Amino acid sequence: MKIGVVSDTHSKGLPKSMLEDFKAVDLILHAGDFCDLADYDVLAKIKDVRAVHGNMDTAAICGRFPRRQIVDCAGYKIGLFHGEGAPANILDVVKKQFAKDKVDVVVFGHSHQAFNEKIDGVHYFNPGSPNDDVFAPYCSYGLLDLSEKGVKATIVKIRK
């Protein structure tokens, strides 16, 4: 199973290269901070979208998407959470959020910084932001490949 992963789109327009790549996935995960449902609508026209709300999302978005969720995909449990607080502490916050859950992967956002690391048996994956060129060192999104061989997580830098 192939999953497109994105976060922190902030209603700034979605890169064409990402949208093209997402046509080849089975599912899209959005880790919050849409800021407007227009981004969700664009993604939902491509594939099924599972999402959580972030700290910058409107009341309408917060009412539509949960704060956190666990998604079952191809025999793997994926924790999905935006994140909160200081970006420097985001990993600790995210770990605590799923400390009592048995998850294989945790997808998060908030910091706009791509992160891709397996820690204590859990793969922590932040796709970065596909359109933030202020706080992020580069614009990016992610791809998760789930198979009987395991989880392969890839950060994709935006082609400009």
Protein backbone atom coordinates (compact mmCIF):
# COMPACT_ATOMS: atom_id res chain seq x y z
CA MET A 1 0.00 0.00 0.00
CA LYS A 2 1.28 3.45 -0.91
CA ILE A 3 0.24 6.52 1.09
CA GLY A 4 0.75 10.20 0.29
CA VAL A 5 1.53 12.23 3.41
CA VAL A 6 1.21 15.99 3.79
CA SER A 7 0.85 18.55 6.56
CA ASP A 8 0.80 22.28 7.10
CA THR A 9 -0.62 23.31 3.74
CA HIS A 10 -1.98 26.54 5.29
CA SER A 11 -4.19 27.37 2.27
CA LYS A 12 -1.17 28.51 0.28
CA GLY A 13 -1.85 26.38 -2.79
CA LEU A 14 -0.77 22.81 -3.37
CA PRO A 15 2.26 22.07 -5.57
CA LYS A 16 1.45 20.42 -8.89
CA SER A 17 4.26 17.88 -8.52
CA MET A 18 2.79 16.67 -5.21
CA LEU A 19 -0.70 16.40 -6.66
CA GLU A 20 0.66 14.39 -9.58
CA ASP A 21 2.52 12.02 -7.25
CA PHE A 22 -0.61 11.58 -5.11
CA LYS A 23 -2.50 10.21 -8.12
CA ALA A 24 -0.39 7.05 -7.72
CA VAL A 25 -1.16 6.47 -4.01
CA ASP A 26 -3.92 4.44 -2.35
CA LEU A 27 -4.64 6.92 0.45
CA ILE A 28 -3.68 10.44 1.52
CA LEU A 29 -2.93 11.42 5.13
CA HIS A 30 -3.01 15.09 6.14
CA ALA A 31 -1.55 15.92 9.56
CA GLY A 32 -3.39 19.20 10.08
CA ASP A 33 -3.23 22.92 9.45
CA PHE A 34 -5.30 23.00 6.29
CA CYS A 35 -6.56 26.47 7.36
CA ASP A 36 -9.29 26.19 4.71
CA LEU A 37 -11.31 23.24 3.44
CA ALA A 38 -10.29 24.06 -0.14
CA ASP A 39 -7.04 22.09 0.31
CA TYR A 40 -9.01 19.10 1.59
CA ASP A 41 -11.38 19.32 -1.39
CA VAL A 42 -8.48 19.28 -3.86
CA LEU A 43 -6.91 16.23 -2.19
CA ALA A 44 -10.23 14.40 -1.84
CA LYS A 45 -10.76 14.62 -5.60
CA ILE A 46 -7.56 12.59 -6.02
CA LYS A 47 -7.94 9.87 -3.33
CA ASP A 48 -9.55 9.13 0.02
CA VAL A 49 -8.15 11.47 2.69
CA ARG A 50 -7.76 10.81 6.40
CA ALA A 51 -6.91 13.90 8.39
CA VAL A 52 -6.64 15.57 11.77
CA HIS A 53 -6.97 19.23 12.60
CA GLY A 54 -4.09 21.46 13.60
CA ASN A 55 -3.66 24.50 15.80
CA MET A 56 -4.26 26.95 12.94
CA ASP A 57 -7.41 25.31 11.60
CA THR A 58 -10.82 26.97 11.63
CA ALA A 59 -13.70 25.84 13.82
CA ALA A 60 -15.30 24.20 10.76
CA ILE A 61 -12.18 22.09 10.18
CA CYS A 62 -11.83 21.25 13.87
CA GLY A 63 -15.44 20.10 13.86
CA ARG A 64 -14.89 17.88 10.85
CA PHE A 65 -11.57 16.21 11.73
CA PRO A 66 -10.41 14.80 15.07
CA ARG A 67 -7.41 16.04 17.03
CA ARG A 68 -5.74 12.64 16.67
CA GLN A 69 -6.61 9.28 15.20
CA ILE A 70 -5.22 5.85 14.49
CA VAL A 71 -5.59 4.57 10.94
CA ASP A 72 -5.34 0.87 10.07
CA CYS A 73 -3.57 0.35 6.75
CA ALA A 74 -2.27 -2.92 5.28
CA GLY A 75 -1.83 -4.47 8.72
CA TYR A 76 -0.08 -1.43 10.19
CA LYS A 77 -1.41 1.05 12.74
CA ILE A 78 -0.60 4.67 11.90
CA GLY A 79 -1.04 7.36 14.53
CA LEU A 80 -1.98 10.71 13.02
CA PHE A 81 -1.58 13.92 15.04
CA HIS A 82 -0.70 17.49 14.15
CA GLY A 83 1.42 18.41 17.15
CA GLU A 84 1.48 21.41 19.45
CA GLY A 85 3.78 23.65 21.42
CA ALA A 86 7.32 24.69 20.62
CA PRO A 87 8.65 23.06 17.44
CA ALA A 88 11.89 22.17 19.24
CA ASN A 89 9.90 19.82 21.54
CA ILE A 90 7.58 18.36 18.91
CA LEU A 91 8.98 14.83 19.00
CA ASP A 92 8.47 14.54 22.77
CA VAL A 93 4.91 15.82 22.43
CA VAL A 94 4.13 13.37 19.65
CA LYS A 95 5.67 10.42 21.49
CA LYS A 96 3.55 11.16 24.57
CA GLN A 97 0.40 11.41 22.45
CA PHE A 98 0.72 7.76 21.37
CA ALA A 99 2.62 6.34 24.38
CA LYS A 100 -0.32 4.12 25.41
CA ASP A 101 -1.17 3.00 21.87
CA LYS A 102 0.46 0.22 19.89
CA VAL A 103 1.32 2.01 16.65
CA ASP A 104 3.85 1.19 13.98
CA VAL A 105 4.09 4.68 12.48
CA VAL A 106 3.30 8.16 13.79
CA VAL A 107 2.64 10.87 11.21
CA PHE A 108 2.78 14.43 12.52
CA GLY A 109 3.33 18.01 11.41
CA HIS A 110 3.35 21.41 13.14
CA SER A 111 7.09 22.15 12.93
CA HIS A 112 7.23 22.39 9.10
CA GLN A 113 10.48 20.43 9.42
CA ALA A 114 10.69 17.06 7.68
CA PHE A 115 11.55 14.19 10.03
CA ASN A 116 11.97 10.51 9.18
CA GLU A 117 13.34 8.24 11.91
CA LYS A 118 12.57 4.94 13.61
CA ILE A 119 12.81 5.20 17.39
CA ASP A 120 12.16 2.30 19.79
CA GLY A 121 10.35 0.34 17.10
CA VAL A 122 8.06 3.19 15.99
CA HIS A 123 8.61 5.11 12.76
CA TYR A 124 8.12 8.87 13.34
CA PHE A 125 7.39 10.73 10.13
CA ASN A 126 6.83 14.44 9.54
CA PRO A 127 6.47 15.27 5.84
CA GLY A 128 7.38 18.93 6.37
CA SER A 129 5.32 21.54 4.53
CA PRO A 130 4.80 21.55 0.77
CA ASN A 131 4.61 25.31 0.48
CA ASP A 132 6.36 27.00 3.43
CA ASP A 133 9.54 28.72 2.38
CA VAL A 134 9.84 30.82 5.55
CA PHE A 135 10.16 28.36 8.47
CA ALA A 136 11.14 25.21 6.57
CA PRO A 137 14.60 24.66 5.05
CA TYR A 138 12.83 23.25 1.96
CA CYS A 139 9.30 22.44 0.86
CA SER A 140 8.36 18.76 1.05
CA TYR A 141 5.76 16.04 1.42
CA GLY A 142 6.03 12.34 2.11
CA LEU A 143 5.34 8.89 0.79
CA LEU A 144 4.83 5.78 2.88
CA ASP A 145 5.13 2.33 1.32
CA LEU A 146 3.64 -0.39 3.50
CA SER A 147 4.37 -4.01 2.61
CA GLU A 148 5.10 -7.37 4.21
CA LYS A 149 8.75 -6.28 4.17
CA GLY A 150 7.99 -3.32 6.45
CA VAL A 151 7.55 0.43 6.24
CA LYS A 152 9.51 2.53 3.80
CA ALA A 153 9.13 6.27 4.42
CA THR A 154 10.41 8.86 1.95
CA ILE A 155 10.61 12.63 2.19
CA VAL A 156 10.08 14.18 -1.24
CA LYS A 157 11.54 17.64 -1.76
CA ILE A 158 9.33 19.76 -4.00
CA ARG A 159 10.49 20.03 -7.58
CA LYS A 160 10.25 23.65 -8.62
